[in-house]
């Protein structure tokens, strides 16, 4: 996203009919050079495959998963709200400067600021919107 510092890894969301049914998509992605690294059945049946040249985190979700809408809402909000984009960048830089035993701990540490930004991004009058 222009104007936002980022790690040198491209994050891509892929939607499939049923992310828990790996035979439908994992073999083709592995043939293209991706490696299945993470299965998170308890979190939206999320799968993460990694690619190289360039470095890619390919996040796989099922059609209709609410996490995809949340991700799009955050992206779209940050594209048009400089103050929150700056807050998010500062948070990421501060957290990236720390040592983490697991990358997930870094992601978890960003959760509070993401929740705050998403609350502002909610359409007025919707559940979770900020008055």
N, C-alpha and C. Protein backbone atom coordinates (compact mmCIF):
# COMPACT_ATOMS: atom_id res chain seq x y z
N UNK A 1 0.85 -1.17 0.00
CA UNK A 1 0.00 0.00 0.00
C UNK A 1 0.90 1.24 0.00
N UNK A 2 0.71 2.14 -0.93
CA UNK A 2 1.52 3.36 -0.97
C UNK A 2 1.42 4.13 0.34
N UNK A 3 2.58 4.59 0.82
CA UNK A 3 2.60 5.39 2.03
C UNK A 3 2.67 4.59 3.32
N UNK A 4 2.81 3.27 3.24
CA UNK A 4 2.86 2.45 4.45
C UNK A 4 4.07 1.54 4.35
N UNK A 5 4.97 1.66 5.32
CA UNK A 5 6.13 0.77 5.36
C UNK A 5 5.65 -0.66 5.55
N UNK A 6 6.38 -1.59 4.96
CA UNK A 6 5.96 -2.99 5.05
C UNK A 6 7.17 -3.90 5.03
N UNK A 7 6.97 -5.10 5.51
CA UNK A 7 8.02 -6.11 5.44
C UNK A 7 8.19 -6.53 3.98
N UNK A 8 9.32 -7.12 3.65
CA UNK A 8 9.55 -7.48 2.24
C UNK A 8 8.88 -8.81 1.86
N UNK A 9 7.65 -8.98 2.28
CA UNK A 9 6.88 -10.18 1.98
C UNK A 9 5.51 -9.74 1.47
N UNK A 10 5.07 -10.32 0.39
CA UNK A 10 3.76 -10.00 -0.16
C UNK A 10 2.73 -10.91 0.49
N UNK A 11 1.69 -10.33 1.08
CA UNK A 11 0.58 -11.10 1.64
C UNK A 11 -0.54 -11.13 0.62
N UNK A 12 -0.99 -12.33 0.29
CA UNK A 12 -2.08 -12.52 -0.67
C UNK A 12 -3.16 -13.36 0.00
N UNK A 13 -4.41 -12.92 -0.15
CA UNK A 13 -5.54 -13.73 0.30
C UNK A 13 -6.11 -14.48 -0.90
N UNK A 14 -6.30 -15.77 -0.72
CA UNK A 14 -6.90 -16.62 -1.75
C UNK A 14 -8.18 -17.20 -1.18
N UNK A 15 -9.25 -17.11 -1.94
CA UNK A 15 -10.53 -17.67 -1.53
C UNK A 15 -10.80 -18.94 -2.33
N UNK A 16 -11.13 -20.00 -1.62
CA UNK A 16 -11.51 -21.26 -2.24
C UNK A 16 -12.86 -21.69 -1.66
N UNK A 17 -13.51 -22.62 -2.31
CA UNK A 17 -14.83 -23.06 -1.84
C UNK A 17 -14.77 -23.55 -0.39
N UNK A 18 -13.79 -24.40 -0.07
CA UNK A 18 -13.67 -24.97 1.27
C UNK A 18 -12.19 -25.12 1.60
N UNK A 19 -11.66 -24.20 2.38
CA UNK A 19 -10.22 -24.22 2.66
C UNK A 19 -9.79 -25.45 3.46
N UNK A 20 -10.73 -26.11 4.13
CA UNK A 20 -10.37 -27.31 4.88
C UNK A 20 -10.14 -28.51 3.95
N UNK A 21 -10.63 -28.44 2.71
CA UNK A 21 -10.47 -29.53 1.76
C UNK A 21 -9.24 -29.26 0.89
N UNK A 22 -8.09 -29.56 1.45
CA UNK A 22 -6.81 -29.24 0.81
C UNK A 22 -6.56 -29.92 -0.53
N UNK A 23 -7.07 -31.14 -0.76
CA UNK A 23 -6.82 -31.76 -2.07
C UNK A 23 -7.33 -30.93 -3.26
N UNK A 24 -8.25 -30.04 -3.01
CA UNK A 24 -8.82 -29.24 -4.10
C UNK A 24 -7.88 -28.13 -4.57
N UNK A 25 -6.91 -27.73 -3.75
CA UNK A 25 -6.08 -26.59 -4.15
C UNK A 25 -4.61 -26.72 -3.78
N UNK A 26 -4.27 -27.44 -2.72
CA UNK A 26 -2.87 -27.50 -2.28
C UNK A 26 -1.95 -28.13 -3.32
N UNK A 27 -2.30 -29.25 -3.96
CA UNK A 27 -1.38 -29.82 -4.95
C UNK A 27 -1.01 -28.85 -6.08
N UNK A 28 -1.98 -28.11 -6.56
CA UNK A 28 -1.70 -27.15 -7.64
C UNK A 28 -0.79 -26.03 -7.14
N UNK A 29 -1.01 -25.57 -5.92
CA UNK A 29 -0.16 -24.51 -5.37
C UNK A 29 1.25 -25.03 -5.10
N UNK A 30 1.35 -26.26 -4.62
CA UNK A 30 2.68 -26.85 -4.41
C UNK A 30 3.42 -27.02 -5.74
N UNK A 31 2.69 -27.38 -6.79
CA UNK A 31 3.31 -27.51 -8.11
C UNK A 31 3.82 -26.16 -8.62
N UNK A 32 3.19 -25.09 -8.13
CA UNK A 32 3.62 -23.73 -8.52
C UNK A 32 4.73 -23.21 -7.61
N UNK A 33 5.17 -24.02 -6.65
CA UNK A 33 6.30 -23.63 -5.81
C UNK A 33 5.96 -23.21 -4.39
N UNK A 34 4.69 -23.22 -4.03
CA UNK A 34 4.30 -22.87 -2.66
C UNK A 34 4.45 -24.06 -1.73
N UNK A 35 4.68 -23.78 -0.45
CA UNK A 35 4.83 -24.83 0.56
C UNK A 35 3.81 -24.57 1.66
N UNK A 36 3.00 -25.57 1.96
CA UNK A 36 2.02 -25.46 3.03
C UNK A 36 2.76 -25.41 4.36
N UNK A 37 2.55 -24.33 5.11
CA UNK A 37 3.29 -24.15 6.35
C UNK A 37 2.43 -24.16 7.59
N UNK A 38 1.19 -23.68 7.47
CA UNK A 38 0.34 -23.54 8.67
C UNK A 38 -1.07 -23.97 8.35
N UNK A 39 -1.63 -24.75 9.26
CA UNK A 39 -3.06 -25.10 9.24
C UNK A 39 -3.67 -24.57 10.53
N UNK A 40 -4.72 -23.78 10.41
CA UNK A 40 -5.40 -23.25 11.59
C UNK A 40 -6.90 -23.56 11.49
N UNK A 41 -7.27 -24.81 11.76
CA UNK A 41 -8.68 -25.18 11.65
C UNK A 41 -9.59 -24.38 12.58
N UNK A 42 -9.08 -24.00 13.72
CA UNK A 42 -9.91 -23.26 14.70
C UNK A 42 -10.07 -21.79 14.34
N UNK A 43 -9.27 -21.29 13.42
CA UNK A 43 -9.37 -19.88 13.01
C UNK A 43 -9.75 -19.82 11.54
N UNK A 44 -11.03 -19.90 11.27
CA UNK A 44 -11.58 -19.76 9.91
C UNK A 44 -11.06 -20.82 8.93
N UNK A 45 -10.58 -21.95 9.43
CA UNK A 45 -9.99 -22.98 8.56
C UNK A 45 -8.87 -22.39 7.69
N UNK A 46 -8.15 -21.43 8.26
CA UNK A 46 -7.07 -20.73 7.57
C UNK A 46 -5.92 -21.69 7.25
N UNK A 47 -5.37 -21.52 6.05
CA UNK A 47 -4.15 -22.20 5.65
C UNK A 47 -3.18 -21.13 5.16
N UNK A 48 -1.89 -21.35 5.44
CA UNK A 48 -0.86 -20.43 4.97
C UNK A 48 0.15 -21.23 4.17
N UNK A 49 0.35 -20.80 2.96
CA UNK A 49 1.39 -21.38 2.12
C UNK A 49 2.41 -20.29 1.85
N UNK A 50 3.67 -20.69 1.75
CA UNK A 50 4.73 -19.72 1.51
C UNK A 50 5.33 -19.93 0.13
N UNK A 51 5.67 -18.82 -0.48
CA UNK A 51 6.34 -18.85 -1.76
C UNK A 51 7.61 -18.01 -1.69
N UNK A 52 8.47 -18.22 -2.66
CA UNK A 52 9.72 -17.46 -2.71
C UNK A 52 9.86 -16.84 -4.10
N UNK A 53 10.72 -15.84 -4.17
CA UNK A 53 11.07 -15.18 -5.44
C UNK A 53 9.86 -14.68 -6.20
N UNK A 54 9.12 -13.74 -5.69
CA UNK A 54 9.31 -13.01 -4.44
C UNK A 54 8.74 -13.78 -3.24
N UNK A 55 9.10 -13.30 -2.05
CA UNK A 55 8.58 -13.90 -0.82
C UNK A 55 7.09 -13.60 -0.71
N UNK A 56 6.30 -14.66 -0.51
CA UNK A 56 4.85 -14.53 -0.46
C UNK A 56 4.30 -15.34 0.70
N UNK A 57 3.37 -14.74 1.44
CA UNK A 57 2.51 -15.47 2.38
C UNK A 57 1.15 -15.55 1.72
N UNK A 58 0.75 -16.74 1.33
CA UNK A 58 -0.52 -16.96 0.67
C UNK A 58 -1.52 -17.48 1.70
N UNK A 59 -2.46 -16.64 2.08
CA UNK A 59 -3.47 -16.98 3.08
C UNK A 59 -4.70 -17.53 2.37
N UNK A 60 -5.13 -18.72 2.74
CA UNK A 60 -6.27 -19.35 2.08
C UNK A 60 -7.45 -19.41 3.04
N UNK A 61 -8.60 -18.90 2.57
CA UNK A 61 -9.83 -18.89 3.35
C UNK A 61 -10.96 -19.43 2.48
N UNK A 62 -12.02 -19.86 3.14
CA UNK A 62 -13.21 -20.32 2.43
C UNK A 62 -14.05 -19.13 1.98
N UNK A 63 -14.78 -19.34 0.89
CA UNK A 63 -15.71 -18.33 0.40
C UNK A 63 -16.64 -17.89 1.54
N UNK A 64 -16.86 -16.59 1.66
CA UNK A 64 -17.76 -16.05 2.67
C UNK A 64 -17.15 -15.85 4.05
N UNK A 65 -15.87 -16.10 4.20
CA UNK A 65 -15.22 -15.95 5.50
C UNK A 65 -15.19 -14.47 5.91
N UNK A 66 -15.64 -14.19 7.13
CA UNK A 66 -15.70 -12.80 7.60
C UNK A 66 -14.31 -12.18 7.76
N UNK A 67 -13.27 -12.98 7.90
CA UNK A 67 -11.92 -12.44 8.03
C UNK A 67 -11.51 -11.70 6.75
N UNK A 68 -11.97 -12.17 5.62
CA UNK A 68 -11.66 -11.49 4.36
C UNK A 68 -12.26 -10.09 4.32
N UNK A 69 -13.49 -9.96 4.78
CA UNK A 69 -14.13 -8.64 4.81
C UNK A 69 -13.40 -7.71 5.79
N UNK A 70 -13.01 -8.24 6.93
CA UNK A 70 -12.28 -7.45 7.93
C UNK A 70 -10.97 -6.95 7.34
N UNK A 71 -10.27 -7.81 6.64
CA UNK A 71 -8.99 -7.45 6.03
C UNK A 71 -9.18 -6.36 4.96
N UNK A 72 -10.20 -6.52 4.13
CA UNK A 72 -10.48 -5.51 3.10
C UNK A 72 -10.86 -4.17 3.73
N UNK A 73 -11.66 -4.23 4.79
CA UNK A 73 -12.09 -2.99 5.44
C UNK A 73 -10.88 -2.25 6.00
N UNK A 74 -9.96 -2.97 6.64
CA UNK A 74 -8.75 -2.34 7.17
C UNK A 74 -7.93 -1.74 6.04
N UNK A 75 -7.71 -2.51 4.99
CA UNK A 75 -6.93 -2.01 3.84
C UNK A 75 -7.53 -0.75 3.26
N UNK A 76 -8.83 -0.77 3.00
CA UNK A 76 -9.49 0.38 2.38
C UNK A 76 -9.47 1.60 3.28
N UNK A 77 -9.64 1.39 4.57
CA UNK A 77 -9.61 2.50 5.52
C UNK A 77 -8.21 3.13 5.57
N UNK A 78 -7.19 2.30 5.64
CA UNK A 78 -5.83 2.83 5.71
C UNK A 78 -5.44 3.57 4.44
N UNK A 79 -5.98 3.19 3.32
CA UNK A 79 -5.69 3.88 2.07
C UNK A 79 -6.18 5.32 2.08
N UNK A 80 -7.21 5.62 2.86
CA UNK A 80 -7.83 6.94 2.81
C UNK A 80 -7.77 7.72 4.12
N UNK A 81 -7.12 7.18 5.15
CA UNK A 81 -7.06 7.84 6.45
C UNK A 81 -5.61 7.89 6.93
N UNK A 82 -4.96 9.01 6.63
CA UNK A 82 -3.53 9.16 6.91
C UNK A 82 -3.19 8.96 8.38
N UNK A 83 -3.99 9.49 9.29
CA UNK A 83 -3.68 9.39 10.72
C UNK A 83 -3.65 7.93 11.18
N UNK A 84 -4.63 7.14 10.78
CA UNK A 84 -4.65 5.74 11.17
C UNK A 84 -3.56 4.94 10.45
N UNK A 85 -3.27 5.30 9.20
CA UNK A 85 -2.18 4.63 8.50
C UNK A 85 -0.86 4.89 9.23
N UNK A 86 -0.66 6.11 9.69
CA UNK A 86 0.55 6.44 10.44
C UNK A 86 0.59 5.69 11.77
N UNK A 87 -0.53 5.64 12.48
CA UNK A 87 -0.61 4.90 13.74
C UNK A 87 -0.27 3.43 13.52
N UNK A 88 -0.82 2.85 12.48
CA UNK A 88 -0.58 1.44 12.18
C UNK A 88 0.90 1.21 11.85
N UNK A 89 1.47 2.11 11.05
CA UNK A 89 2.89 1.98 10.71
C UNK A 89 3.78 2.10 11.94
N UNK A 90 3.52 3.08 12.79
CA UNK A 90 4.33 3.23 14.01
C UNK A 90 4.23 1.99 14.89
N UNK A 91 3.04 1.45 15.00
CA UNK A 91 2.84 0.24 15.81
C UNK A 91 3.64 -0.92 15.22
N UNK A 92 3.55 -1.10 13.91
CA UNK A 92 4.28 -2.19 13.25
C UNK A 92 5.79 -2.02 13.42
N UNK A 93 6.28 -0.79 13.27
CA UNK A 93 7.73 -0.56 13.42
C UNK A 93 8.20 -0.84 14.84
N UNK A 94 7.41 -0.39 15.82
CA UNK A 94 7.77 -0.63 17.23
C UNK A 94 7.80 -2.13 17.52
N UNK A 95 6.80 -2.84 17.05
CA UNK A 95 6.73 -4.28 17.30
C UNK A 95 7.79 -5.05 16.52
N UNK A 96 8.07 -4.61 15.29
CA UNK A 96 9.06 -5.30 14.47
C UNK A 96 10.47 -5.17 15.06
N UNK A 97 10.70 -4.14 15.85
CA UNK A 97 12.01 -3.95 16.46
C UNK A 97 12.25 -4.91 17.63
N UNK A 98 11.22 -5.59 18.06
CA UNK A 98 11.34 -6.55 19.16
C UNK A 98 11.65 -7.94 18.61
N UNK A 99 12.15 -8.80 19.49
CA UNK A 99 12.40 -10.19 19.11
C UNK A 99 11.18 -11.02 19.51
N UNK A 100 10.71 -11.85 18.60
CA UNK A 100 9.53 -12.67 18.84
C UNK A 100 9.89 -14.14 18.66
N UNK A 101 9.49 -14.95 19.61
CA UNK A 101 9.73 -16.39 19.49
C UNK A 101 8.95 -16.96 18.31
N UNK A 102 7.77 -16.42 18.09
CA UNK A 102 6.91 -16.87 16.99
C UNK A 102 6.32 -15.65 16.30
N UNK A 103 6.22 -15.69 14.99
CA UNK A 103 5.65 -14.59 14.22
C UNK A 103 4.22 -14.29 14.68
N UNK A 104 3.50 -15.32 15.10
CA UNK A 104 2.12 -15.13 15.56
C UNK A 104 2.06 -14.18 16.75
N UNK A 105 3.08 -14.18 17.60
CA UNK A 105 3.09 -13.26 18.75
C UNK A 105 3.16 -11.81 18.27
N UNK A 106 3.92 -11.56 17.21
CA UNK A 106 3.96 -10.23 16.61
C UNK A 106 2.57 -9.86 16.08
N UNK A 107 1.96 -10.78 15.35
CA UNK A 107 0.62 -10.52 14.80
C UNK A 107 -0.38 -10.26 15.92
N UNK A 108 -0.31 -11.04 16.98
CA UNK A 108 -1.23 -10.85 18.12
C UNK A 108 -1.02 -9.48 18.76
N UNK A 109 0.23 -9.03 18.82
CA UNK A 109 0.53 -7.74 19.45
C UNK A 109 -0.06 -6.57 18.66
N UNK A 110 -0.31 -6.76 17.37
CA UNK A 110 -0.92 -5.70 16.55
C UNK A 110 -2.44 -5.65 16.72
N UNK A 111 -3.01 -6.64 17.35
CA UNK A 111 -4.48 -6.79 17.40
C UNK A 111 -5.20 -5.60 17.99
N UNK A 112 -4.68 -5.04 19.06
CA UNK A 112 -5.38 -3.93 19.72
C UNK A 112 -5.51 -2.71 18.80
N UNK A 113 -4.42 -2.33 18.16
CA UNK A 113 -4.49 -1.16 17.27
C UNK A 113 -5.38 -1.47 16.06
N UNK A 114 -5.36 -2.69 15.58
CA UNK A 114 -6.23 -3.06 14.46
C UNK A 114 -7.69 -2.99 14.88
N UNK A 115 -8.00 -3.49 16.07
CA UNK A 115 -9.39 -3.40 16.56
C UNK A 115 -9.84 -1.95 16.65
N UNK A 116 -8.97 -1.08 17.17
CA UNK A 116 -9.32 0.34 17.30
C UNK A 116 -9.58 0.97 15.93
N UNK A 117 -8.71 0.67 14.97
CA UNK A 117 -8.87 1.24 13.63
C UNK A 117 -10.14 0.70 12.98
N UNK A 118 -10.39 -0.58 13.12
CA UNK A 118 -11.59 -1.17 12.51
C UNK A 118 -12.87 -0.61 13.14
N UNK A 119 -12.82 -0.27 14.41
CA UNK A 119 -13.99 0.34 15.04
C UNK A 119 -14.31 1.68 14.37
N UNK A 120 -13.27 2.43 14.01
CA UNK A 120 -13.50 3.70 13.31
C UNK A 120 -13.94 3.48 11.86
N UNK A 121 -13.53 2.36 11.29
CA UNK A 121 -13.84 2.09 9.88
C UNK A 121 -15.26 1.57 9.66
N UNK A 122 -15.93 1.16 10.71
CA UNK A 122 -17.30 0.65 10.58
C UNK A 122 -18.22 1.75 10.05
N UNK A 123 -19.12 1.40 9.14
CA UNK A 123 -20.10 2.41 8.68
C UNK A 123 -20.91 2.92 9.86
N UNK A 124 -21.27 4.22 9.87
CA UNK A 124 -22.04 4.79 10.98
C UNK A 124 -23.33 3.98 11.22
N UNK A 125 -23.60 3.73 12.49
CA UNK A 125 -24.81 3.02 12.87
C UNK A 125 -24.70 1.52 12.84
N UNK A 126 -23.56 0.99 12.35
CA UNK A 126 -23.40 -0.47 12.33
C UNK A 126 -22.86 -0.94 13.66
N UNK A 127 -23.07 -2.21 14.01
CA UNK A 127 -22.52 -2.73 15.27
C UNK A 127 -21.00 -2.56 15.25
N UNK A 128 -20.44 -2.02 16.31
CA UNK A 128 -19.01 -1.83 16.40
C UNK A 128 -18.53 -0.49 15.90
N UNK A 129 -19.41 0.34 15.36
CA UNK A 129 -18.97 1.65 14.88
C UNK A 129 -18.75 2.59 16.05
N UNK A 130 -17.85 3.55 15.85
CA UNK A 130 -17.56 4.53 16.87
C UNK A 130 -18.48 5.73 16.67
N UNK A 131 -19.20 6.16 17.72
CA UNK A 131 -20.13 7.31 17.57
C UNK A 131 -19.39 8.58 17.23
